[in-house]
Amino acid sequence: MPDTPQHIIVLCTCPDDQTATIIADKLVAEGYAACVNIVPGIMSVFEWKNNIEHENELLLLIKSRQDCYPELEAVIQELHPYELPEIIAVSIERGLSGYLEWIDLATGK
């Protein structure tokens, strides 16, 4: 493995099942993600336009690679209904080598 982490987990919250599924399906079908977990039942509390908001959301945990990120981000922005969707990439520092290799295969690398 190279010194620089090549694999990432991207976090993205969605307002409903339909949005989460559409985004997850497209990311996997297009090869920008190897796997997307859809985690239901989260409550997000945040400040938006000078108001404290409380929203029931779903969290996408998107397993991918650094070099897929630009396209992955573009797909989310295209399909997401929020004015400013949460899209945060976190480097995977370590992982089961076979799983990381599977991410590579699934994303065409």
PDB file of N, CA and C in Angstrom:
ATOM      1  N   MET A   1       0.847  -1.191   0.000  1.00  0.00           N
ATOM      2  CA  MET A   1       0.000   0.000   0.000  1.00  0.00           C
ATOM      3  C   MET A   1       0.886   1.247   0.000  1.00  0.00           C
ATOM      4  N   PRO A   2       0.496   2.263  -0.758  1.00  0.00           N
ATOM      5  CA  PRO A   2       1.246   3.514  -0.728  1.00  0.00           C
ATOM      6  C   PRO A   2       1.115   4.208   0.619  1.00  0.00           C
ATOM      7  N   ASP A   3       2.053   5.154   0.905  1.00  0.00           N
ATOM      8  CA  ASP A   3       2.008   5.883   2.172  1.00  0.00           C
ATOM      9  C   ASP A   3       0.771   6.772   2.274  1.00  0.00           C
ATOM     10  N   THR A   4       0.339   7.369   1.178  1.00  0.00           N
ATOM     11  CA  THR A   4      -0.838   8.231   1.168  1.00  0.00           C
ATOM     12  C   THR A   4      -2.082   7.360   1.059  1.00  0.00           C
ATOM     13  N   PRO A   5      -3.028   7.528   1.976  1.00  0.00           N
ATOM     14  CA  PRO A   5      -4.249   6.714   1.888  1.00  0.00           C
ATOM     15  C   PRO A   5      -4.975   6.946   0.567  1.00  0.00           C
ATOM     16  N   GLN A   6      -5.322   5.878  -0.098  1.00  0.00           N
ATOM     17  CA  GLN A   6      -6.009   5.952  -1.378  1.00  0.00           C
ATOM     18  C   GLN A   6      -7.509   5.729  -1.227  1.00  0.00           C
ATOM     19  N   HIS A   7      -7.908   5.137  -0.116  1.00  0.00           N
ATOM     20  CA  HIS A   7      -9.307   4.774   0.105  1.00  0.00           C
ATOM     21  C   HIS A   7      -9.969   5.778   1.035  1.00  0.00           C
ATOM     22  N   ILE A   8     -11.246   6.019   0.795  1.00  0.00           N
ATOM     23  CA  ILE A   8     -11.977   7.006   1.588  1.00  0.00           C
ATOM     24  C   ILE A   8     -13.351   6.478   1.962  1.00  0.00           C
ATOM     25  N   ILE A   9     -13.892   7.067   3.016  1.00  0.00           N
ATOM     26  CA  ILE A   9     -15.303   6.934   3.347  1.00  0.00           C
ATOM     27  C   ILE A   9     -15.883   8.334   3.215  1.00  0.00           C
ATOM     28  N   VAL A  10     -16.947   8.447   2.441  1.00  0.00           N
ATOM     29  CA  VAL A  10     -17.614   9.730   2.278  1.00  0.00           C
ATOM     30  C   VAL A  10     -18.916   9.684   3.060  1.00  0.00           C
ATOM     31  N   LEU A  11     -19.128  10.709   3.877  1.00  0.00           N
ATOM     32  CA  LEU A  11     -20.351  10.839   4.664  1.00  0.00           C
ATOM     33  C   LEU A  11     -21.287  11.812   3.959  1.00  0.00           C
ATOM     34  N   CYS A  12     -22.553  11.427   3.884  1.00  0.00           N
ATOM     35  CA  CYS A  12     -23.553  12.293   3.261  1.00  0.00           C
ATOM     36  C   CYS A  12     -24.903  12.011   3.911  1.00  0.00           C
ATOM     37  N   THR A  13     -25.545  13.056   4.432  1.00  0.00           N
ATOM     38  CA  THR A  13     -26.876  12.881   4.996  1.00  0.00           C
ATOM     39  C   THR A  13     -27.923  13.126   3.911  1.00  0.00           C
ATOM     40  N   CYS A  14     -29.047  12.412   4.037  1.00  0.00           N
ATOM     41  CA  CYS A  14     -30.147  12.517   3.075  1.00  0.00           C
ATOM     42  C   CYS A  14     -31.463  12.683   3.835  1.00  0.00           C
ATOM     43  N   PRO A  15     -32.425  13.361   3.212  1.00  0.00           N
ATOM     44  CA  PRO A  15     -33.681  13.628   3.908  1.00  0.00           C
ATOM     45  C   PRO A  15     -34.649  12.450   3.950  1.00  0.00           C
ATOM     46  N   ASP A  16     -34.481  11.479   3.028  1.00  0.00           N
ATOM     47  CA  ASP A  16     -35.466  10.391   2.956  1.00  0.00           C
ATOM     48  C   ASP A  16     -34.869   9.162   2.265  1.00  0.00           C
ATOM     49  N   ASP A  17     -35.601   8.039   2.382  1.00  0.00           N
ATOM     50  CA  ASP A  17     -35.160   6.768   1.789  1.00  0.00           C
ATOM     51  C   ASP A  17     -34.958   6.867   0.287  1.00  0.00           C
ATOM     52  N   GLN A  18     -35.882   7.536  -0.382  1.00  0.00           N
ATOM     53  CA  GLN A  18     -35.816   7.609  -1.842  1.00  0.00           C
ATOM     54  C   GLN A  18     -34.537   8.309  -2.305  1.00  0.00           C
ATOM     55  N   THR A  19     -34.237   9.454  -1.715  1.00  0.00           N
ATOM     56  CA  THR A  19     -33.014  10.184  -2.080  1.00  0.00           C
ATOM     57  C   THR A  19     -31.780   9.340  -1.796  1.00  0.00           C
ATOM     58  N   ALA A  20     -31.729   8.729  -0.620  1.00  0.00           N
ATOM     59  CA  ALA A  20     -30.577   7.912  -0.236  1.00  0.00           C
ATOM     60  C   ALA A  20     -30.372   6.756  -1.209  1.00  0.00           C
ATOM     61  N   THR A  21     -31.454   6.089  -1.576  1.00  0.00           N
ATOM     62  CA  THR A  21     -31.357   4.938  -2.474  1.00  0.00           C
ATOM     63  C   THR A  21     -30.950   5.352  -3.880  1.00  0.00           C
ATOM     64  N   ILE A  22     -31.502   6.436  -4.374  1.00  0.00           N
ATOM     65  CA  ILE A  22     -31.149   6.913  -5.718  1.00  0.00           C
ATOM     66  C   ILE A  22     -29.668   7.257  -5.794  1.00  0.00           C
ATOM     67  N   ILE A  23     -29.179   7.979  -4.791  1.00  0.00           N
ATOM     68  CA  ILE A  23     -27.756   8.344  -4.781  1.00  0.00           C
ATOM     69  C   ILE A  23     -26.878   7.103  -4.652  1.00  0.00           C
ATOM     70  N   ALA A  24     -27.209   6.220  -3.722  1.00  0.00           N
ATOM     71  CA  ALA A  24     -26.413   5.001  -3.515  1.00  0.00           C
ATOM     72  C   ALA A  24     -26.369   4.154  -4.783  1.00  0.00           C
ATOM     73  N   ASP A  25     -27.532   3.943  -5.400  1.00  0.00           N
ATOM     74  CA  ASP A  25     -27.593   3.120  -6.616  1.00  0.00           C
ATOM     75  C   ASP A  25     -26.716   3.693  -7.730  1.00  0.00           C
ATOM     76  N   LYS A  26     -26.794   5.002  -7.932  1.00  0.00           N
ATOM     77  CA  LYS A  26     -26.022   5.628  -9.014  1.00  0.00           C
ATOM     78  C   LYS A  26     -24.526   5.549  -8.735  1.00  0.00           C
ATOM     79  N   LEU A  27     -24.119   5.792  -7.490  1.00  0.00           N
ATOM     80  CA  LEU A  27     -22.694   5.744  -7.162  1.00  0.00           C
ATOM     81  C   LEU A  27     -22.112   4.350  -7.389  1.00  0.00           C
ATOM     82  N   VAL A  28     -22.847   3.323  -6.990  1.00  0.00           N
ATOM     83  CA  VAL A  28     -22.367   1.953  -7.176  1.00  0.00           C
ATOM     84  C   VAL A  28     -22.436   1.552  -8.647  1.00  0.00           C
ATOM     85  N   ALA A  29     -23.539   1.865  -9.310  1.00  0.00           N
ATOM     86  CA  ALA A  29     -23.706   1.494 -10.725  1.00  0.00           C
ATOM     87  C   ALA A  29     -22.650   2.142 -11.616  1.00  0.00           C
ATOM     88  N   GLU A  30     -22.277   3.373 -11.305  1.00  0.00           N
ATOM     89  CA  GLU A  30     -21.291   4.099 -12.114  1.00  0.00           C
ATOM     90  C   GLU A  30     -19.847   3.756 -11.719  1.00  0.00           C
ATOM     91  N   GLY A  31     -19.668   2.959 -10.657  1.00  0.00           N
ATOM     92  CA  GLY A  31     -18.335   2.561 -10.231  1.00  0.00           C
ATOM     93  C   GLY A  31     -17.578   3.611  -9.440  1.00  0.00           C
ATOM     94  N   TYR A  32     -18.296   4.609  -8.895  1.00  0.00           N
ATOM     95  CA  TYR A  32     -17.653   5.623  -8.076  1.00  0.00           C
ATOM     96  C   TYR A  32     -17.575   5.194  -6.614  1.00  0.00           C
ATOM     97  N   ALA A  33     -18.339   4.168  -6.248  1.00  0.00           N
ATOM     98  CA  ALA A  33     -18.326   3.617  -4.897  1.00  0.00           C
ATOM     99  C   ALA A  33     -18.411   2.109  -4.978  1.00  0.00           C
ATOM    100  N   ALA A  34     -17.727   1.441  -4.064  1.00  0.00           N
ATOM    101  CA  ALA A  34     -17.804  -0.018  -3.991  1.00  0.00           C
ATOM    102  C   ALA A  34     -19.039  -0.437  -3.203  1.00  0.00           C
ATOM    103  N   CYS A  35     -19.380   0.347  -2.186  1.00  0.00           N
ATOM    104  CA  CYS A  35     -20.472   0.003  -1.287  1.00  0.00           C
ATOM    105  C   CYS A  35     -20.981   1.281  -0.646  1.00  0.00           C
ATOM    106  N   VAL A  36     -22.294   1.330  -0.446  1.00  0.00           N
ATOM    107  CA  VAL A  36     -22.895   2.448   0.284  1.00  0.00           C
ATOM    108  C   VAL A  36     -23.812   1.865   1.346  1.00  0.00           C
ATOM    109  N   ASN A  37     -23.515   2.162   2.603  1.00  0.00           N
ATOM    110  CA  ASN A  37     -24.415   1.796   3.690  1.00  0.00           C
ATOM    111  C   ASN A  37     -25.390   2.938   3.892  1.00  0.00           C
ATOM    112  N   ILE A  38     -26.660   2.601   4.036  1.00  0.00           N
ATOM    113  CA  ILE A  38     -27.684   3.600   4.327  1.00  0.00           C
ATOM    114  C   ILE A  38     -28.117   3.371   5.775  1.00  0.00           C
ATOM    115  N   VAL A  39     -27.773   4.325   6.628  1.00  0.00           N
ATOM    116  CA  VAL A  39     -28.040   4.216   8.054  1.00  0.00           C
ATOM    117  C   VAL A  39     -29.246   5.097   8.390  1.00  0.00           C
ATOM    118  N   PRO A  40     -30.378   4.481   8.756  1.00  0.00           N
ATOM    119  CA  PRO A  40     -31.575   5.276   9.063  1.00  0.00           C
ATOM    120  C   PRO A  40     -31.554   5.777  10.509  1.00  0.00           C
ATOM    121  N   GLY A  41     -32.486   6.675  10.796  1.00  0.00           N
ATOM    122  CA  GLY A  41     -32.772   7.040  12.180  1.00  0.00           C
ATOM    123  C   GLY A  41     -31.788   7.969  12.842  1.00  0.00           C
ATOM    124  N   ILE A  42     -31.154   8.860  12.103  1.00  0.00           N
ATOM    125  CA  ILE A  42     -30.287   9.822  12.771  1.00  0.00           C
ATOM    126  C   ILE A  42     -31.020  11.161  12.879  1.00  0.00           C
ATOM    127  N   MET A  43     -30.707  11.898  13.913  1.00  0.00           N
ATOM    128  CA  MET A  43     -31.253  13.239  14.117  1.00  0.00           C
ATOM    129  C   MET A  43     -30.097  14.206  13.965  1.00  0.00           C
ATOM    130  N   SER A  44     -30.222  15.116  13.021  1.00  0.00           N
ATOM    131  CA  SER A  44     -29.196  16.141  12.824  1.00  0.00           C
ATOM    132  C   SER A  44     -29.677  17.446  13.439  1.00  0.00           C
ATOM    133  N   VAL A  45     -28.805  18.067  14.210  1.00  0.00           N
ATOM    134  CA  VAL A  45     -29.084  19.370  14.814  1.00  0.00           C
ATOM    135  C   VAL A  45     -28.016  20.316  14.283  1.00  0.00           C
ATOM    136  N   PHE A  46     -28.460  21.394  13.655  1.00  0.00           N
ATOM    137  CA  PHE A  46     -27.514  22.309  13.029  1.00  0.00           C
ATOM    138  C   PHE A  46     -28.121  23.699  12.917  1.00  0.00           C
ATOM    139  N   GLU A  47     -27.235  24.668  12.731  1.00  0.00           N
ATOM    140  CA  GLU A  47     -27.691  26.029  12.518  1.00  0.00           C
ATOM    141  C   GLU A  47     -27.715  26.300  11.018  1.00  0.00           C
ATOM    142  N   TRP A  48     -28.834  26.796  10.520  1.00  0.00           N
ATOM    143  CA  TRP A  48     -28.967  27.116   9.097  1.00  0.00           C
ATOM    144  C   TRP A  48     -29.781  28.394   8.958  1.00  0.00           C
ATOM    145  N   LYS A  49     -29.176  29.390   8.360  1.00  0.00           N
ATOM    146  CA  LYS A  49     -29.828  30.680   8.129  1.00  0.00           C
ATOM    147  C   LYS A  49     -30.396  31.262   9.425  1.00  0.00           C
ATOM    148  N   ASN A  50     -29.537  31.256  10.450  1.00  0.00           N
ATOM    149  CA  ASN A  50     -29.845  31.839  11.761  1.00  0.00           C
ATOM    150  C   ASN A  50     -30.934  31.103  12.539  1.00  0.00           C
ATOM    151  N   ASN A  51     -31.213  29.867  12.195  1.00  0.00           N
ATOM    152  CA  ASN A  51     -32.177  29.054  12.938  1.00  0.00           C
ATOM    153  C   ASN A  51     -31.516  27.751  13.354  1.00  0.00           C
ATOM    154  N   ILE A  52     -31.878  27.258  14.531  1.00  0.00           N
ATOM    155  CA  ILE A  52     -31.454  25.923  14.935  1.00  0.00           C
ATOM    156  C   ILE A  52     -32.462  24.946  14.350  1.00  0.00           C
ATOM    157  N   GLU A  53     -31.953  24.019  13.543  1.00  0.00           N
ATOM    158  CA  GLU A  53     -32.797  23.048  12.850  1.00  0.00           C
ATOM    159  C   GLU A  53     -32.622  21.662  13.473  1.00  0.00           C
ATOM    160  N   HIS A  54     -33.684  20.870  13.452  1.00  0.00           N
ATOM    161  CA  HIS A  54     -33.670  19.474  13.881  1.00  0.00           C
ATOM    162  C   HIS A  54     -34.300  18.671  12.751  1.00  0.00           C
ATOM    163  N   GLU A  55     -33.517  17.806  12.129  1.00  0.00           N
ATOM    164  CA  GLU A  55     -34.009  17.042  10.982  1.00  0.00           C
ATOM    165  C   GLU A  55     -33.743  15.551  11.173  1.00  0.00           C
ATOM    166  N   ASN A  56     -34.757  14.744  10.913  1.00  0.00           N
ATOM    167  CA  ASN A  56     -34.564  13.298  10.824  1.00  0.00           C
ATOM    168  C   ASN A  56     -33.961  13.014   9.457  1.00  0.00           C
ATOM    169  N   GLU A  57     -32.846  12.304   9.458  1.00  0.00           N
ATOM    170  CA  GLU A  57     -32.139  12.043   8.206  1.00  0.00           C
ATOM    171  C   GLU A  57     -31.618  10.609   8.175  1.00  0.00           C
ATOM    172  N   LEU A  58     -31.085  10.250   7.033  1.00  0.00           N
ATOM    173  CA  LEU A  58     -30.368   8.994   6.857  1.00  0.00           C
ATOM    174  C   LEU A  58     -28.931   9.358   6.532  1.00  0.00           C
ATOM    175  N   LEU A  59     -27.999   8.516   6.933  1.00  0.00           N
ATOM    176  CA  LEU A  59     -26.587   8.764   6.674  1.00  0.00           C
ATOM    177  C   LEU A  59     -26.069   7.760   5.658  1.00  0.00           C
ATOM    178  N   LEU A  60     -25.445   8.260   4.614  1.00  0.00           N
ATOM    179  CA  LEU A  60     -24.757   7.391   3.657  1.00  0.00           C
ATOM    180  C   LEU A  60     -23.302   7.273   4.086  1.00  0.00           C
ATOM    181  N   LEU A  61     -22.814   6.030   4.167  1.00  0.00           N
ATOM    182  CA  LEU A  61     -21.400   5.734   4.379  1.00  0.00           C
ATOM    183  C   LEU A  61     -20.906   5.137   3.068  1.00  0.00           C
ATOM    184  N   ILE A  62     -20.178   5.927   2.318  1.00  0.00           N
ATOM    185  CA  ILE A  62     -19.801   5.582   0.950  1.00  0.00           C
ATOM    186  C   ILE A  62     -18.328   5.169   0.940  1.00  0.00           C
ATOM    187  N   LYS A  63     -18.054   3.931   0.550  1.00  0.00           N
ATOM    188  CA  LYS A  63     -16.680   3.438   0.481  1.00  0.00           C
ATOM    189  C   LYS A  63     -16.169   3.597  -0.946  1.00  0.00           C
ATOM    190  N   SER A  64     -15.037   4.320  -1.071  1.00  0.00           N
ATOM    191  CA  SER A  64     -14.552   4.652  -2.402  1.00  0.00           C
ATOM    192  C   SER A  64     -13.046   4.882  -2.368  1.00  0.00           C
ATOM    193  N   ARG A  65     -12.569   5.600  -3.395  1.00  0.00           N
ATOM    194  CA  ARG A  65     -11.150   5.934  -3.535  1.00  0.00           C
ATOM    195  C   ARG A  65     -10.993   7.438  -3.742  1.00  0.00           C
ATOM    196  N   GLN A  66      -9.836   7.946  -3.360  1.00  0.00           N
ATOM    197  CA  GLN A  66      -9.541   9.370  -3.538  1.00  0.00           C
ATOM    198  C   GLN A  66      -9.765   9.815  -4.985  1.00  0.00           C
ATOM    199  N   ASP A  67      -9.311   9.010  -5.937  1.00  0.00           N
ATOM    200  CA  ASP A  67      -9.397   9.433  -7.339  1.00  0.00           C
ATOM    201  C   ASP A  67     -10.816   9.382  -7.905  1.00  0.00           C
ATOM    202  N   CYS A  68     -11.749   8.783  -7.196  1.00  0.00           N
ATOM    203  CA  CYS A  68     -13.158   8.779  -7.612  1.00  0.00           C
ATOM    204  C   CYS A  68     -13.932   9.957  -7.023  1.00  0.00           C
ATOM    205  N   TYR A  69     -13.314  10.658  -6.081  1.00  0.00           N
ATOM    206  CA  TYR A  69     -14.049  11.679  -5.331  1.00  0.00           C
ATOM    207  C   TYR A  69     -14.679  12.774  -6.202  1.00  0.00           C
ATOM    208  N   PRO A  70     -13.982  13.343  -7.178  1.00  0.00           N
ATOM    209  CA  PRO A  70     -14.624  14.426  -7.949  1.00  0.00           C
ATOM    210  C   PRO A  70     -15.937  14.001  -8.611  1.00  0.00           C
ATOM    211  N   GLU A  71     -15.953  12.828  -9.218  1.00  0.00           N
ATOM    212  CA  GLU A  71     -17.174  12.333  -9.861  1.00  0.00           C
ATOM    213  C   GLU A  71     -18.235  11.975  -8.829  1.00  0.00           C
ATOM    214  N   LEU A  72     -17.801  11.385  -7.728  1.00  0.00           N
ATOM    215  CA  LEU A  72     -18.714  11.025  -6.646  1.00  0.00           C
ATOM    216  C   LEU A  72     -19.409  12.277  -6.107  1.00  0.00           C
ATOM    217  N   GLU A  73     -18.643  13.308  -5.850  1.00  0.00           N
ATOM    218  CA  GLU A  73     -19.209  14.565  -5.365  1.00  0.00           C
ATOM    219  C   GLU A  73     -20.194  15.151  -6.377  1.00  0.00           C
ATOM    220  N   ALA A  74     -19.838  15.108  -7.646  1.00  0.00           N
ATOM    221  CA  ALA A  74     -20.713  15.659  -8.693  1.00  0.00           C
ATOM    222  C   ALA A  74     -22.045  14.916  -8.759  1.00  0.00           C
ATOM    223  N   VAL A  75     -22.014  13.591  -8.623  1.00  0.00           N
ATOM    224  CA  VAL A  75     -23.251  12.798  -8.629  1.00  0.00           C
ATOM    225  C   VAL A  75     -24.133  13.185  -7.447  1.00  0.00           C
ATOM    226  N   ILE A  76     -23.542  13.290  -6.270  1.00  0.00           N
ATOM    227  CA  ILE A  76     -24.329  13.666  -5.092  1.00  0.00           C
ATOM    228  C   ILE A  76     -24.954  15.043  -5.296  1.00  0.00           C
ATOM    229  N   GLN A  77     -24.169  16.001  -5.759  1.00  0.00           N
ATOM    230  CA  GLN A  77     -24.704  17.352  -5.955  1.00  0.00           C
ATOM    231  C   GLN A  77     -25.826  17.367  -7.000  1.00  0.00           C
ATOM    232  N   GLU A  78     -25.688  16.547  -8.021  1.00  0.00           N
ATOM    233  CA  GLU A  78     -26.713  16.469  -9.072  1.00  0.00           C
ATOM    234  C   GLU A  78     -28.031  15.916  -8.546  1.00  0.00           C
ATOM    235  N   LEU A  79     -27.965  14.911  -7.674  1.00  0.00           N
ATOM    236  CA  LEU A  79     -29.163  14.188  -7.248  1.00  0.00           C
ATOM    237  C   LEU A  79     -29.723  14.630  -5.899  1.00  0.00           C
ATOM    238  N   HIS A  80     -28.959  15.376  -5.142  1.00  0.00           N
ATOM    239  CA  HIS A  80     -29.356  15.728  -3.775  1.00  0.00           C
ATOM    240  C   HIS A  80     -30.270  16.951  -3.764  1.00  0.00           C
ATOM    241  N   PRO A  81     -31.345  16.917  -2.974  1.00  0.00           N
ATOM    242  CA  PRO A  81     -32.273  18.048  -2.956  1.00  0.00           C
ATOM    243  C   PRO A  81     -31.831  19.240  -2.089  1.00  0.00           C
ATOM    244  N   TYR A  82     -30.842  19.038  -1.215  1.00  0.00           N
ATOM    245  CA  TYR A  82     -30.436  20.123  -0.325  1.00  0.00           C
ATOM    246  C   TYR A  82     -29.665  21.196  -1.095  1.00  0.00           C
ATOM    247  N   GLU A  83     -29.826  22.432  -0.664  1.00  0.00           N
ATOM    248  CA  GLU A  83     -29.058  23.548  -1.210  1.00  0.00           C
ATOM    249  C   GLU A  83     -27.559  23.336  -0.964  1.00  0.00           C
ATOM    250  N   LEU A  84     -27.233  22.802   0.208  1.00  0.00           N
ATOM    251  CA  LEU A  84     -25.843  22.558   0.582  1.00  0.00           C
ATOM    252  C   LEU A  84     -25.742  21.189   1.258  1.00  0.00           C
ATOM    253  N   PRO A  85     -25.600  20.118   0.460  1.00  0.00           N
ATOM    254  CA  PRO A  85     -25.544  18.786   1.070  1.00  0.00           C
ATOM    255  C   PRO A  85     -24.230  18.552   1.821  1.00  0.00           C
ATOM    256  N   GLU A  86     -24.324  17.735   2.851  1.00  0.00           N
ATOM    257  CA  GLU A  86     -23.120  17.308   3.564  1.00  0.00           C
ATOM    258  C   GLU A  86     -22.395  16.301   2.683  1.00  0.00           C
ATOM    259  N   ILE A  87     -21.169  16.620   2.330  1.00  0.00           N
ATOM    260  CA  ILE A  87     -20.307  15.693   1.584  1.00  0.00           C
ATOM    261  C   ILE A  87     -18.921  15.835   2.206  1.00  0.00           C
ATOM    262  N   ILE A  88     -18.542  14.847   3.018  1.00  0.00           N
ATOM    263  CA  ILE A  88     -17.274  14.903   3.743  1.00  0.00           C
ATOM    264  C   ILE A  88     -16.518  13.594   3.495  1.00  0.00           C
ATOM    265  N   ALA A  89     -15.304  13.711   2.987  1.00  0.00           N
ATOM    266  CA  ALA A  89     -14.475  12.535   2.742  1.00  0.00           C
ATOM    267  C   ALA A  89     -13.450  12.379   3.860  1.00  0.00           C
ATOM    268  N   VAL A  90     -13.333  11.158   4.351  1.00  0.00           N
ATOM    269  CA  VAL A  90     -12.388  10.822   5.409  1.00  0.00           C
ATOM    270  C   VAL A  90     -11.477   9.717   4.883  1.00  0.00           C
ATOM    271  N   SER A  91     -10.178   9.904   5.009  1.00  0.00           N
ATOM    272  CA  SER A  91      -9.231   8.890   4.549  1.00  0.00           C
ATOM    273  C   SER A  91      -9.306   7.636   5.408  1.00  0.00           C
ATOM    274  N   ILE A  92      -9.203   6.501   4.763  1.00  0.00           N
ATOM    275  CA  ILE A  92      -9.095   5.219   5.473  1.00  0.00           C
ATOM    276  C   ILE A  92      -7.607   4.963   5.670  1.00  0.00           C
ATOM    277  N   GLU A  93      -7.164   5.054   6.906  1.00  0.00           N
ATOM    278  CA  GLU A  93      -5.748   4.877   7.221  1.00  0.00           C
ATOM    279  C   GLU A  93      -5.338   3.406   7.178  1.00  0.00           C
ATOM    280  N   ARG A  94      -6.241   2.537   7.621  1.00  0.00           N
ATOM    281  CA  ARG A  94      -5.970   1.100   7.642  1.00  0.00           C
ATOM    282  C   ARG A  94      -7.263   0.363   7.379  1.00  0.00           C
ATOM    283  N   GLY A  95      -7.122  -0.855   6.877  1.00  0.00           N
ATOM    284  CA  GLY A  95      -8.273  -1.710   6.656  1.00  0.00           C
ATOM    285  C   GLY A  95      -7.819  -3.086   6.222  1.00  0.00           C
ATOM    286  N   LEU A  96      -8.725  -4.014   6.285  1.00  0.00           N
ATOM    287  CA  LEU A  96      -8.436  -5.371   5.832  1.00  0.00           C
ATOM    288  C   LEU A  96      -8.000  -5.307   4.370  1.00  0.00           C
ATOM    289  N   SER A  97      -6.825  -5.819   4.070  1.00  0.00           N
ATOM    290  CA  SER A  97      -6.266  -5.663   2.728  1.00  0.00           C
ATOM    291  C   SER A  97      -7.202  -6.222   1.654  1.00  0.00           C
ATOM    292  N   GLY A  98      -7.844  -7.332   1.924  1.00  0.00           N
ATOM    293  CA  GLY A  98      -8.773  -7.899   0.952  1.00  0.00           C
ATOM    294  C   GLY A  98      -9.963  -6.989   0.689  1.00  0.00           C
ATOM    295  N   TYR A  99     -10.452  -6.337   1.737  1.00  0.00           N
ATOM    296  CA  TYR A  99     -11.570  -5.410   1.570  1.00  0.00           C
ATOM    297  C   TYR A  99     -11.150  -4.191   0.766  1.00  0.00           C
ATOM    298  N   LEU A 100      -9.974  -3.653   1.046  1.00  0.00           N
ATOM    299  CA  LEU A 100      -9.477  -2.501   0.298  1.00  0.00           C
ATOM    300  C   LEU A 100      -9.229  -2.866  -1.161  1.00  0.00           C
ATOM    301  N   GLU A 101      -8.740  -4.068  -1.400  1.00  0.00           N
ATOM    302  CA  GLU A 101      -8.564  -4.544  -2.785  1.00  0.00           C
ATOM    303  C   GLU A 101      -9.916  -4.662  -3.483  1.00  0.00           C
ATOM    304  N   TRP A 102     -10.942  -5.115  -2.760  1.00  0.00           N
ATOM    305  CA  TRP A 102     -12.283  -5.197  -3.330  1.00  0.00           C
ATOM    306  C   TRP A 102     -12.799  -3.806  -3.709  1.00  0.00           C
ATOM    307  N   ILE A 103     -12.546  -2.797  -2.873  1.00  0.00           N
ATOM    308  CA  ILE A 103     -12.919  -1.432  -3.224  1.00  0.00           C
ATOM    309  C   ILE A 103     -12.248  -1.045  -4.540  1.00  0.00           C
ATOM    310  N   ASP A 104     -10.963  -1.388  -4.676  1.00  0.00           N
ATOM    311  CA  ASP A 104     -10.253  -1.092  -5.915  1.00  0.00           C
ATOM    312  C   ASP A 104     -10.927  -1.765  -7.118  1.00  0.00           C
ATOM    313  N   LEU A 105     -11.236  -3.028  -6.981  1.00  0.00           N
ATOM    314  CA  LEU A 105     -11.879  -3.761  -8.079  1.00  0.00           C
ATOM    315  C   LEU A 105     -13.253  -3.181  -8.418  1.00  0.00           C
ATOM    316  N   ALA A 106     -14.028  -2.891  -7.402  1.00  0.00           N
ATOM    317  CA  ALA A 106     -15.398  -2.405  -7.618  1.00  0.00           C
ATOM    318  C   ALA A 106     -15.422  -1.008  -8.240  1.00  0.00           C
ATOM    319  N   THR A 107     -14.363  -0.236  -8.002  1.00  0.00           N
ATOM    320  CA  THR A 107     -14.302   1.112  -8.567  1.00  0.00           C
ATOM    321  C   THR A 107     -13.438   1.144  -9.825  1.00  0.00           C
ATOM    322  N   GLY A 108     -13.108  -0.023 -10.336  1.00  0.00           N
ATOM    323  CA  GLY A 108     -12.396  -0.122 -11.604  1.00  0.00           C
ATOM    324  C   GLY A 108     -10.935   0.263 -11.572  1.00  0.00           C
ATOM    325  N   LYS A 109     -10.319   0.150 -10.425  1.00  0.00           N
ATOM    326  CA  LYS A 109      -8.902   0.542 -10.309  1.00  0.00           C
ATOM    327  C   LYS A 109      -8.017  -0.675 -10.221  1.00  0.00           C
TER     328      LYS A 109
END
